[in-house]
Amino acid sequence: MNRRDDQDYRLTEQGVREDLQRQPHLLMKLAENSLTVAESLRDNYFKNTAQFVSALRRAMYQAARGQRTEPLLRTVEADHTDWSDVQGEVVTFMDGGVGEVEFSGQVPILLRVGSYSVRTGERRLAEREQFGYYPVILGDLEGGSKERRDFVDIVRITAELLGGLSAMVRNPDLRVLMFHGPLTYLVGVYAGHTPFTEKDIDLFLSQYAQNPELARQLKEDFLQEARLKIYPRTVPERSDELAQRKLFEPLSWMSFLYRRLIQEARRRSPVPIIAGVVERGTLSEFSKEVLLPRIFLGLRQKENINYFNEMYGRTDLTSPDALLKRLGYTDTLLLSMLLTPGQASESWSIDKFKGLRGGQISLPGEAFRTDFDWSPLKPPGSFAFPSVRGCYVHVSETTEPVRVEVFEDLGEDQIWEATRRVYLYSRLLPGYGFPVGLDIADKHAHVPAWLTDAYGKLIRHHLGVSLQRGEISDAEMRRILVQAIYMTHRDWLFRPTV
């Protein structure tokens, strides 16, 4: 038997080191970490990491054999699904892309959300897949704090949510809705933006609802909820004014769209799987909240709390948080060394709501700011953001695990049903280790540089001609920009070859 296939050898420190040497992406990450950690940790960083991982692997192996009562890391086999199990399912993948066209020192920002819908197992191409995308020009928006770097992010997140909701409404038999990126972002960092105006929301909804009545009803439902529930709790001294002016505070609007998406899913039977998939994640929350606390608990029980200090020659590695910060370990780095391809980690509830506290926002047309309390948007609550559960699944030995996120409110089976499909879709791109449909949606939504460069020239030409004729207007410029990003449904196929 080849030593690399010998389970006992894989548990040894030498086995771990050989595994790492066969995985250049992990080796490079460890090398990078060794250069960024404190100088006292650099000596034998690779050797100590191999020793640490070897101990973790042995503990997991002992738990699987019944030799350890409390498992260090619970795993689930994600590779027990075949394409025949998902035959005929309708799956929609969503992603957003941002493009910039530079001229005369100004940078108009273009955004479009692309969707790729496929019926698995369908042989007729016309029936098998459909593409769609929806453009938004950020310069048309009156609200939002355009001076902030994350302005593009809140517009993109809002557009993707509306795109997902539109896909749910248009496809009664939709089985899976999958987003490229986190299902819910760390929402606290987006607090404090100027509210959107009703005109802004009309612009969003004109792109995402084929039925004007549905768009009008969605907007009115939010305004009613905001007037009766949200604004009286979040900004009591000006709640009536915000409602009368029909302003849409961005986080409140996002929360409403998330809850409407869940509400629409609950109407279906079976309930559609809604998931977000994150590649190259940098979180260390799973290690901090789940994995390392169990390790430190075991060390305390064995009265060996100085285990890490002795290994690394330090005195301050006495908690999960300290260990992760000092050594630069992330979830994907540790789980790459612990999980085998086809395995998924246990799931955990992800805290997406740190930083949702009181603060201030400015209002459209006003020079002063007003206090706003975002804490009622934390779950649980009748108008809060939905709770999110996540896990990691390891697809290929040559890639890092990807993180899968689902809504807890849609049921316990969501996380494992989503994980099985993520693994299945990702096996079609084994060298990339990411769902093939999201890769297609990413290319579809992407605003390529060659396209923006070409239309930048077109815009400058039209600008020069119109200035000479005295015909230039904001409306004309926006028409040119919309034309620049609309193209055809498959314009990414026509990008120049490298």
Protein backbone atom coordinates (compact mmCIF):
# COMPACT_ATOMS: atom_id res chain seq x y z
CA MET A 1 0.00 0.00 0.00
CA ASN A 2 1.20 3.50 -0.86
CA ARG A 3 2.12 5.36 2.34
CA ARG A 4 -0.04 8.33 1.37
CA ASP A 5 -3.08 6.02 1.35
CA ASP A 6 -2.22 4.53 4.76
CA GLN A 7 -4.58 6.05 7.34
CA ASP A 8 -2.19 5.49 10.25
CA TYR A 9 0.66 7.18 8.40
CA ARG A 10 -1.59 10.14 7.54
CA LEU A 11 -2.03 10.74 11.29
CA THR A 12 1.69 11.17 11.90
CA GLU A 13 3.55 14.47 11.78
CA GLN A 14 5.55 13.26 8.80
CA GLY A 15 2.31 12.29 7.03
CA VAL A 16 0.90 15.77 7.58
CA ARG A 17 4.07 17.38 6.24
CA GLU A 18 3.97 15.25 3.11
CA ASP A 19 0.30 16.12 2.61
CA LEU A 20 1.13 19.82 2.83
CA GLN A 21 4.02 19.50 0.40
CA ARG A 22 1.62 18.03 -2.17
CA GLN A 23 -0.72 21.01 -1.82
CA PRO A 24 1.12 24.14 -3.00
CA HIS A 25 -1.75 26.49 -2.12
CA LEU A 26 -1.51 25.46 1.55
CA LEU A 27 2.26 25.53 1.53
CA MET A 28 2.24 29.08 0.16
CA LYS A 29 -0.30 30.19 2.75
CA LEU A 30 1.81 28.78 5.58
CA ALA A 31 4.89 30.45 4.10
CA GLU A 32 3.02 33.76 3.98
CA ASN A 33 1.88 33.34 7.57
CA SER A 34 5.41 32.58 8.71
CA LEU A 35 6.52 35.97 7.37
CA THR A 36 3.67 37.94 8.98
CA VAL A 37 3.55 36.42 12.48
CA ALA A 38 5.77 37.65 15.30
CA GLU A 39 9.47 36.91 14.91
CA SER A 40 9.40 34.61 17.93
CA LEU A 41 6.87 32.38 16.11
CA ARG A 42 8.71 32.09 12.80
CA ASP A 43 11.16 29.39 13.84
CA ASN A 44 9.72 25.97 13.11
CA TYR A 45 6.34 27.47 12.14
CA PHE A 46 5.77 24.83 9.49
CA LYS A 47 6.97 21.99 11.75
CA ASN A 48 4.83 23.15 14.68
CA THR A 49 1.78 23.49 12.43
CA ALA A 50 2.30 19.93 11.19
CA GLN A 51 2.59 18.74 14.79
CA PHE A 52 -0.61 20.57 15.74
CA VAL A 53 -2.57 19.21 12.76
CA SER A 54 -1.27 15.69 13.43
CA ALA A 55 -2.69 15.88 16.97
CA LEU A 56 -6.05 17.10 15.62
CA ARG A 57 -6.21 14.29 13.06
CA ARG A 58 -5.49 11.68 15.73
CA ALA A 59 -8.24 13.08 17.94
CA MET A 60 -10.72 12.97 15.03
CA TYR A 61 -9.68 9.40 14.19
CA GLN A 62 -10.07 8.29 17.81
CA ALA A 63 -13.56 9.78 17.98
CA ALA A 64 -14.56 7.98 14.78
CA ARG A 65 -13.33 4.69 16.28
CA GLY A 66 -15.21 5.25 19.55
CA GLN A 67 -11.98 5.77 21.49
CA ARG A 68 -12.92 9.33 22.37
CA THR A 69 -16.28 10.27 23.88
CA GLU A 70 -16.49 13.86 22.64
CA PRO A 71 -15.57 14.37 18.96
CA LEU A 72 -13.21 17.22 18.24
CA LEU A 73 -14.80 17.93 14.87
CA ARG A 74 -17.98 16.35 13.56
CA THR A 75 -17.95 15.71 9.83
CA VAL A 76 -20.57 14.79 7.24
CA GLU A 77 -20.02 12.96 3.98
CA ALA A 78 -21.09 15.32 1.19
CA ASP A 79 -20.26 13.00 -1.70
CA HIS A 80 -23.20 10.61 -1.26
CA THR A 81 -25.29 12.32 -3.94
CA ASP A 82 -25.52 11.37 -7.59
CA TRP A 83 -26.83 13.39 -10.51
CA SER A 84 -29.76 11.00 -10.76
CA ASP A 85 -30.85 12.21 -7.30
CA VAL A 86 -31.30 15.78 -8.56
CA GLN A 87 -32.61 14.98 -12.04
CA GLY A 88 -35.01 17.62 -13.36
CA GLU A 89 -34.34 20.22 -10.66
CA VAL A 90 -34.48 23.89 -11.65
CA VAL A 91 -31.47 25.75 -10.26
CA THR A 92 -30.80 29.49 -10.52
CA PHE A 93 -27.38 31.00 -9.84
CA MET A 94 -27.00 34.73 -9.07
CA ASP A 95 -24.04 37.10 -9.10
CA GLY A 96 -23.44 40.83 -9.43
CA GLY A 97 -20.72 42.64 -11.40
CA VAL A 98 -19.47 46.21 -11.31
CA GLY A 99 -17.79 48.12 -14.13
CA GLU A 100 -16.18 51.55 -14.40
CA VAL A 101 -15.88 53.75 -17.46
CA GLU A 102 -13.33 56.53 -17.05
CA PHE A 103 -13.51 59.77 -18.97
CA SER A 104 -12.62 63.36 -18.10
CA GLY A 105 -11.64 62.31 -14.60
CA GLN A 106 -15.14 61.06 -13.78
CA VAL A 107 -15.88 57.39 -13.07
CA PRO A 108 -19.56 56.46 -13.65
CA ILE A 109 -20.16 53.10 -11.98
CA LEU A 110 -22.26 50.48 -13.72
CA LEU A 111 -23.75 47.48 -11.99
CA ARG A 112 -25.53 44.47 -13.37
CA VAL A 113 -26.78 41.29 -11.74
CA GLY A 114 -26.59 38.17 -13.87
CA SER A 115 -28.69 35.04 -13.44
CA TYR A 116 -28.09 31.61 -14.92
CA SER A 117 -30.96 29.15 -14.63
CA VAL A 118 -30.61 25.50 -15.60
CA ARG A 119 -32.80 22.39 -15.44
CA THR A 120 -30.49 19.50 -14.58
CA GLY A 121 -30.61 16.54 -16.92
CA GLU A 122 -32.52 18.37 -19.66
CA ARG A 123 -31.02 17.49 -23.06
CA ARG A 124 -32.76 20.17 -25.13
CA LEU A 125 -30.54 23.25 -24.88
CA ALA A 126 -33.39 25.70 -25.43
CA GLU A 127 -35.23 24.18 -22.47
CA ARG A 128 -32.13 23.50 -20.39
CA GLU A 129 -30.76 26.96 -19.58
CA GLN A 130 -31.75 30.60 -19.49
CA PHE A 131 -29.73 33.77 -18.92
CA GLY A 132 -30.86 37.14 -17.68
CA TYR A 133 -29.30 40.29 -16.31
CA TYR A 134 -30.41 43.68 -15.12
CA PRO A 135 -28.37 46.92 -15.34
CA VAL A 136 -28.32 49.74 -12.82
CA ILE A 137 -26.44 53.03 -13.16
CA LEU A 138 -25.41 54.17 -9.73
CA GLY A 139 -25.35 57.80 -10.81
CA ASP A 140 -29.14 57.67 -11.14
CA LEU A 141 -29.59 57.02 -7.41
CA GLU A 142 -30.48 59.93 -5.15
CA GLY A 143 -29.95 58.15 -1.82
CA GLY A 144 -27.09 56.22 -0.31
CA SER A 145 -23.85 57.82 0.81
CA LYS A 146 -21.97 58.00 -2.49
CA GLU A 147 -18.85 59.29 -0.76
CA ARG A 148 -18.46 56.00 1.12
CA ARG A 149 -16.41 53.20 -0.41
CA ASP A 150 -19.10 50.64 0.44
CA PHE A 151 -21.84 52.49 -1.45
CA VAL A 152 -21.39 50.12 -4.39
CA ASP A 153 -21.73 47.18 -2.00
CA ILE A 154 -25.14 48.14 -0.61
CA VAL A 155 -26.45 48.75 -4.14
CA ARG A 156 -25.07 45.42 -5.35
CA ILE A 157 -26.47 43.49 -2.37
CA THR A 158 -29.88 45.11 -2.84
CA ALA A 159 -29.81 44.34 -6.57
CA GLU A 160 -28.83 40.70 -5.98
CA LEU A 161 -31.62 40.27 -3.43
CA LEU A 162 -34.17 41.66 -5.86
CA GLY A 163 -32.75 39.42 -8.57
CA GLY A 164 -33.15 36.37 -6.32
CA LEU A 165 -36.67 37.37 -5.36
CA SER A 166 -37.53 37.91 -9.02
CA ALA A 167 -36.18 34.44 -9.88
CA MET A 168 -38.31 32.94 -7.12
CA VAL A 169 -41.46 34.66 -8.35
CA ARG A 170 -40.85 33.83 -12.03
CA ASN A 171 -40.10 30.13 -11.47
CA PRO A 172 -42.83 28.32 -9.53
CA ASP A 173 -40.84 25.06 -9.74
CA LEU A 174 -37.51 26.56 -8.61
CA ARG A 175 -35.70 24.04 -6.38
CA VAL A 176 -32.35 25.74 -5.67
CA LEU A 177 -31.41 29.44 -5.55
CA MET A 178 -27.66 29.96 -5.11
CA PHE A 179 -25.79 33.25 -4.63
CA HIS A 180 -22.11 33.90 -5.31
CA GLY A 181 -20.80 35.10 -1.96
CA PRO A 182 -22.19 35.24 1.58
CA LEU A 183 -25.92 34.79 1.92
CA THR A 184 -25.87 37.66 4.41
CA TYR A 185 -22.92 40.01 4.77
CA LEU A 186 -21.59 41.48 8.04
CA VAL A 187 -24.38 44.00 8.01
CA GLY A 188 -23.04 46.23 10.77
CA VAL A 189 -20.38 47.71 8.48
CA TYR A 190 -23.09 49.06 6.14
CA ALA A 191 -24.93 51.05 8.83
CA GLY A 192 -25.25 54.80 8.48
CA HIS A 193 -25.98 55.24 4.76
CA THR A 194 -28.32 57.97 3.61
CA PRO A 195 -31.76 56.40 2.93
CA PHE A 196 -32.85 55.59 -0.60
CA THR A 197 -35.67 57.67 -2.03
CA GLU A 198 -38.85 56.31 -3.58
CA LYS A 199 -37.43 57.18 -7.00
CA ASP A 200 -34.38 55.00 -6.24
CA ILE A 201 -36.58 52.05 -5.34
CA ASP A 202 -38.66 52.54 -8.49
CA LEU A 203 -35.42 52.34 -10.49
CA PHE A 204 -34.46 49.08 -8.78
CA LEU A 205 -37.92 47.57 -9.18
CA SER A 206 -38.24 48.56 -12.84
CA GLN A 207 -35.37 46.16 -13.57
CA TYR A 208 -36.48 43.25 -11.40
CA ALA A 209 -40.23 42.90 -11.68
CA GLN A 210 -41.91 42.07 -14.97
CA ASN A 211 -45.28 42.72 -13.38
CA PRO A 212 -45.62 46.41 -12.35
CA GLU A 213 -48.30 45.49 -9.83
CA LEU A 214 -45.93 43.13 -8.02
CA ALA A 215 -43.29 45.88 -7.89
CA ARG A 216 -45.78 48.41 -6.52
CA GLN A 217 -47.04 45.94 -3.90
CA LEU A 218 -43.51 45.10 -2.73
CA LYS A 219 -42.74 48.78 -2.22
CA GLU A 220 -46.02 49.49 -0.44
CA ASP A 221 -45.60 46.48 1.86
CA PHE A 222 -42.23 47.80 3.01
CA LEU A 223 -43.52 51.33 3.55
CA GLN A 224 -46.40 50.01 5.67
CA GLU A 225 -44.09 47.83 7.77
CA ALA A 226 -41.60 50.67 8.13
CA ARG A 227 -44.31 53.11 9.23
CA LEU A 228 -45.92 50.76 11.76
CA LYS A 229 -42.97 48.71 13.06
CA ILE A 230 -39.47 49.53 11.90
CA TYR A 231 -39.10 53.30 12.09
CA PRO A 232 -40.97 53.72 15.44
CA ARG A 233 -38.38 51.34 16.95
CA THR A 234 -35.27 52.52 15.16
CA VAL A 235 -35.71 56.29 14.88
CA PRO A 236 -38.73 57.15 17.07
CA GLU A 237 -38.35 60.97 17.03
CA ARG A 238 -38.55 61.14 13.22
CA SER A 239 -40.38 57.96 12.28
CA ASP A 240 -43.45 59.79 10.94
CA GLU A 241 -41.28 62.06 8.81
CA LEU A 242 -39.36 59.16 7.25
CA ALA A 243 -42.62 57.36 6.50
CA GLN A 244 -44.30 60.42 5.01
CA ARG A 245 -41.29 61.19 2.81
CA LYS A 246 -41.30 57.50 1.74
CA LEU A 247 -37.62 57.02 2.52
CA PHE A 248 -36.02 53.58 2.49
CA GLU A 249 -33.26 53.16 5.08
CA PRO A 250 -30.86 50.69 3.34
CA LEU A 251 -30.44 48.12 6.13
CA SER A 252 -34.18 48.11 6.87
CA TRP A 253 -34.90 47.63 3.16
CA MET A 254 -32.38 44.78 2.93
CA SER A 255 -33.86 43.10 5.98
CA PHE A 256 -37.33 43.35 4.44
CA LEU A 257 -36.12 41.79 1.16
CA TYR A 258 -34.45 38.89 3.01
CA ARG A 259 -37.63 38.18 4.95
CA ARG A 260 -39.75 38.44 1.80
CA LEU A 261 -37.44 35.93 0.09
CA ILE A 262 -37.92 33.49 2.99
CA GLN A 263 -41.67 34.12 2.99
CA GLU A 264 -41.87 33.34 -0.73
CA ALA A 265 -39.83 30.15 -0.25
CA ARG A 266 -42.09 28.91 2.55
CA ARG A 267 -45.07 29.02 0.22
CA ARG A 268 -43.53 26.28 -1.95
CA SER A 269 -43.56 22.56 -1.40
CA PRO A 270 -40.88 21.40 -1.18
CA VAL A 271 -39.26 24.52 0.24
CA PRO A 272 -36.57 25.73 -2.21
CA ILE A 273 -32.96 25.57 -1.07
CA ILE A 274 -31.51 29.08 -0.76
CA ALA A 275 -27.74 29.23 -0.25
CA GLY A 276 -24.72 31.47 -0.54
CA VAL A 277 -21.32 30.00 -1.42
CA VAL A 278 -18.05 31.71 -0.47
CA GLU A 279 -14.71 30.89 -2.05
CA ARG A 280 -11.38 31.90 -0.56
CA GLY A 281 -13.02 32.97 2.68
CA THR A 282 -10.96 34.67 5.39
CA LEU A 283 -13.21 34.03 8.38
CA SER A 284 -11.81 32.31 11.47
CA GLU A 285 -15.15 32.21 13.30
CA PHE A 286 -15.67 28.44 13.01
CA SER A 287 -12.23 27.81 14.51
CA LYS A 288 -12.82 30.39 17.23
CA GLU A 289 -16.36 29.38 18.16
CA VAL A 290 -16.42 25.62 17.52
CA LEU A 291 -13.07 23.90 16.97
CA LEU A 292 -10.57 25.59 19.30
CA PRO A 293 -12.84 25.87 22.38
CA ARG A 294 -13.09 22.08 22.41
CA ILE A 295 -9.32 21.81 22.15
CA PHE A 296 -8.73 24.22 25.04
CA LEU A 297 -11.38 22.47 27.12
CA GLY A 298 -9.57 19.18 26.64
CA LEU A 299 -6.25 20.80 27.53
CA ARG A 300 -7.70 22.20 30.75
CA GLN A 301 -9.13 18.82 31.68
CA LYS A 302 -5.68 17.31 31.18
CA GLU A 303 -4.05 20.22 33.05
CA ASN A 304 -1.97 20.96 29.98
CA ILE A 305 -3.12 24.50 29.26
CA ASN A 306 0.44 25.51 28.27
CA TYR A 307 0.46 23.05 25.35
CA PHE A 308 0.59 25.77 22.68
CA ASN A 309 2.93 28.01 24.65
CA GLU A 310 5.41 25.16 24.98
CA MET A 311 5.06 24.25 21.30
CA TYR A 312 5.60 27.80 20.00
CA GLY A 313 7.78 29.17 22.80
CA ARG A 314 5.28 31.80 23.94
CA THR A 315 3.37 32.71 27.10
CA ASP A 316 0.24 34.34 25.63
CA LEU A 317 -1.37 31.49 23.61
CA THR A 318 -3.98 30.78 26.27
CA SER A 319 -7.26 31.25 24.34
CA PRO A 320 -8.72 30.47 20.89
CA ASP A 321 -8.77 34.15 19.96
CA ALA A 322 -5.11 34.66 20.93
CA LEU A 323 -4.01 31.55 19.05
CA LEU A 324 -5.76 32.59 15.83
CA LYS A 325 -4.53 36.17 15.94
CA ARG A 326 -0.92 35.29 16.77
CA LEU A 327 -0.56 32.40 14.30
CA GLY A 328 -2.69 33.65 11.40
CA TYR A 329 -4.81 30.51 11.13
CA THR A 330 -8.15 30.79 9.31
CA ASP A 331 -11.05 28.37 8.97
CA THR A 332 -10.15 27.38 5.42
CA LEU A 333 -6.47 26.85 6.28
CA LEU A 334 -7.16 24.56 9.25
CA LEU A 335 -10.01 22.67 7.60
CA SER A 336 -7.97 22.15 4.43
CA MET A 337 -5.60 20.12 6.59
CA LEU A 338 -8.33 18.27 8.52
CA LEU A 339 -11.06 17.47 5.99
CA THR A 340 -10.65 15.10 3.08
CA PRO A 341 -12.30 15.75 -0.31
CA GLY A 342 -15.99 14.89 -0.05
CA GLN A 343 -16.24 15.80 3.64
CA ALA A 344 -18.12 18.72 5.16
CA SER A 345 -17.69 20.19 8.62
CA GLU A 346 -20.50 20.37 11.13
CA SER A 347 -22.62 23.50 10.85
CA TRP A 348 -22.74 26.47 13.19
CA SER A 349 -24.76 29.66 13.58
CA ILE A 350 -22.79 32.55 12.06
CA ASP A 351 -22.91 35.92 13.80
CA LYS A 352 -23.49 38.42 11.01
CA PHE A 353 -24.75 41.23 13.20
CA LYS A 354 -21.80 42.57 15.16
CA GLY A 355 -21.78 46.34 15.19
CA LEU A 356 -25.54 46.80 14.78
CA ARG A 357 -25.86 49.50 17.42
CA GLY A 358 -26.98 53.08 17.59
CA GLY A 359 -25.49 55.61 15.19
CA GLN A 360 -26.32 58.47 12.89
CA ILE A 361 -27.44 58.85 9.31
CA SER A 362 -27.97 61.84 7.07
CA LEU A 363 -31.28 62.33 5.25
CA PRO A 364 -31.68 63.32 1.60
CA GLY A 365 -31.83 67.08 1.21
CA GLU A 366 -30.71 67.79 4.78
CA ALA A 367 -27.38 69.08 6.02
CA PHE A 368 -27.63 67.54 9.50
CA ARG A 369 -27.68 63.96 10.76
CA THR A 370 -30.19 62.09 12.85
CA ASP A 371 -29.79 59.31 15.42
CA PHE A 372 -30.72 55.80 14.31
CA ASP A 373 -30.82 52.60 16.38
CA TRP A 374 -30.11 49.50 14.28
CA SER A 375 -30.20 47.01 17.16
CA PRO A 376 -33.87 46.02 16.50
CA LEU A 377 -32.67 44.61 13.17
CA LYS A 378 -30.71 41.92 15.02
CA PRO A 379 -32.37 38.50 15.16
CA PRO A 380 -34.60 37.36 16.65
CA GLY A 381 -37.37 39.82 15.91
CA SER A 382 -40.39 40.30 13.70
CA PHE A 383 -38.54 42.64 11.32
CA ALA A 384 -34.93 41.58 11.92
CA PHE A 385 -32.44 40.06 9.53
CA PRO A 386 -32.78 36.26 9.32
CA SER A 387 -30.28 34.05 11.17
CA VAL A 388 -27.69 32.27 9.05
CA ARG A 389 -26.16 28.81 9.48
CA GLY A 390 -23.00 27.72 7.69
CA CYS A 391 -20.53 24.91 7.17
CA TYR A 392 -17.43 24.16 5.09
CA VAL A 393 -17.20 21.52 2.37
CA HIS A 394 -13.91 20.27 0.94
CA VAL A 395 -14.24 19.62 -2.79
CA SER A 396 -10.75 18.94 -4.05
CA GLU A 397 -7.28 18.40 -2.62
CA THR A 398 -5.98 21.21 -4.82
CA THR A 399 -8.43 23.83 -3.47
CA GLU A 400 -9.48 25.24 -0.12
CA PRO A 401 -12.88 24.32 1.35
CA VAL A 402 -15.77 26.59 0.41
CA ARG A 403 -18.25 27.97 2.91
CA VAL A 404 -21.96 27.25 2.44
CA GLU A 405 -24.55 29.49 4.11
CA VAL A 406 -28.32 28.99 4.46
CA PHE A 407 -31.24 30.56 6.32
CA GLU A 408 -31.97 28.81 9.62
CA ASP A 409 -35.64 29.77 9.30
CA LEU A 410 -36.12 27.46 6.31
CA GLY A 411 -35.40 24.27 8.24
CA GLU A 412 -32.61 22.03 9.48
CA ASP A 413 -32.28 20.10 6.22
CA GLN A 414 -31.33 23.23 4.25
CA ILE A 415 -27.65 23.17 5.20
CA TRP A 416 -27.03 19.55 4.23
CA GLU A 417 -29.16 19.63 1.09
CA ALA A 418 -27.30 22.75 -0.02
CA THR A 419 -23.90 21.24 0.87
CA ARG A 420 -24.55 18.08 -1.14
CA ARG A 421 -25.46 20.12 -4.21
CA VAL A 422 -22.54 22.51 -3.81
CA TYR A 423 -20.20 19.52 -3.78
CA LEU A 424 -21.93 17.96 -6.79
CA TYR A 425 -21.87 21.18 -8.84
CA SER A 426 -18.24 21.87 -7.83
CA ARG A 427 -17.02 18.47 -8.98
CA LEU A 428 -17.63 19.69 -12.53
CA LEU A 429 -14.76 22.14 -11.87
CA PRO A 430 -12.41 19.96 -9.78
CA GLY A 431 -9.39 22.21 -10.35
CA TYR A 432 -11.38 25.21 -9.13
CA GLY A 433 -13.54 23.56 -6.48
CA PHE A 434 -16.50 25.93 -6.92
CA PRO A 435 -20.05 25.37 -8.27
CA VAL A 436 -19.92 25.53 -12.06
CA GLY A 437 -23.21 27.46 -12.25
CA LEU A 438 -21.82 30.25 -10.07
CA ASP A 439 -18.72 30.39 -12.23
CA ILE A 440 -20.97 30.85 -15.28
CA ALA A 441 -23.08 33.50 -13.51
CA ASP A 442 -19.91 35.31 -12.48
CA LYS A 443 -18.70 35.52 -16.08
CA HIS A 444 -22.19 36.51 -17.20
CA ALA A 445 -22.51 39.35 -14.68
CA HIS A 446 -18.93 40.53 -15.08
CA VAL A 447 -18.47 43.85 -16.87
CA PRO A 448 -15.19 43.08 -18.69
CA ALA A 449 -12.45 45.66 -19.10
CA TRP A 450 -12.43 45.38 -22.88
CA LEU A 451 -16.15 46.23 -22.93
CA THR A 452 -15.85 49.27 -20.67
CA ASP A 453 -12.73 50.45 -22.53
CA ALA A 454 -14.51 50.20 -25.88
CA TYR A 455 -17.57 52.00 -24.64
CA GLY A 456 -15.43 54.54 -22.86
CA LYS A 457 -14.21 55.53 -26.32
CA LEU A 458 -17.81 55.56 -27.57
CA ILE A 459 -18.89 57.78 -24.69
CA ARG A 460 -16.03 60.22 -25.30
CA HIS A 461 -16.95 60.34 -29.00
CA HIS A 462 -20.63 61.03 -28.29
CA LEU A 463 -19.66 63.52 -25.61
CA GLY A 464 -17.44 65.46 -28.02
CA VAL A 465 -20.02 65.48 -30.83
CA SER A 466 -22.87 66.42 -28.49
CA LEU A 467 -20.88 69.24 -26.91
CA GLN A 468 -20.15 70.68 -30.34
CA ARG A 469 -23.85 70.50 -31.24
CA GLY A 470 -25.05 71.65 -27.83
CA GLU A 471 -27.14 68.49 -27.45
CA ILE A 472 -25.57 66.87 -24.37
CA SER A 473 -27.76 66.10 -21.37
CA ASP A 474 -27.65 63.81 -18.36
CA ALA A 475 -30.46 61.74 -19.84
CA GLU A 476 -28.52 61.23 -23.07
CA MET A 477 -25.35 60.22 -21.22
CA ARG A 478 -27.27 57.68 -19.14
CA ARG A 479 -28.88 56.27 -22.27
CA ILE A 480 -25.42 55.68 -23.74
CA LEU A 481 -24.23 54.01 -20.54
CA VAL A 482 -27.24 51.68 -20.41
CA GLN A 483 -26.61 50.74 -24.04
CA ALA A 484 -22.97 50.09 -23.13
CA ILE A 485 -23.75 47.46 -20.50
CA TYR A 486 -26.88 45.92 -21.99
CA MET A 487 -25.41 44.32 -25.14
CA THR A 488 -26.78 40.78 -25.52
CA HIS A 489 -27.59 38.10 -22.98
CA ARG A 490 -24.38 36.25 -23.80
CA ASP A 491 -21.98 39.12 -24.41
CA TRP A 492 -19.31 37.58 -22.18
CA LEU A 493 -18.86 34.83 -24.75
CA PHE A 494 -17.55 37.38 -27.23
CA ARG A 495 -14.71 38.69 -25.08
CA PRO A 496 -11.30 38.64 -26.80
CA THR A 497 -9.25 35.49 -26.30
CA VAL A 498 -6.00 35.71 -24.33
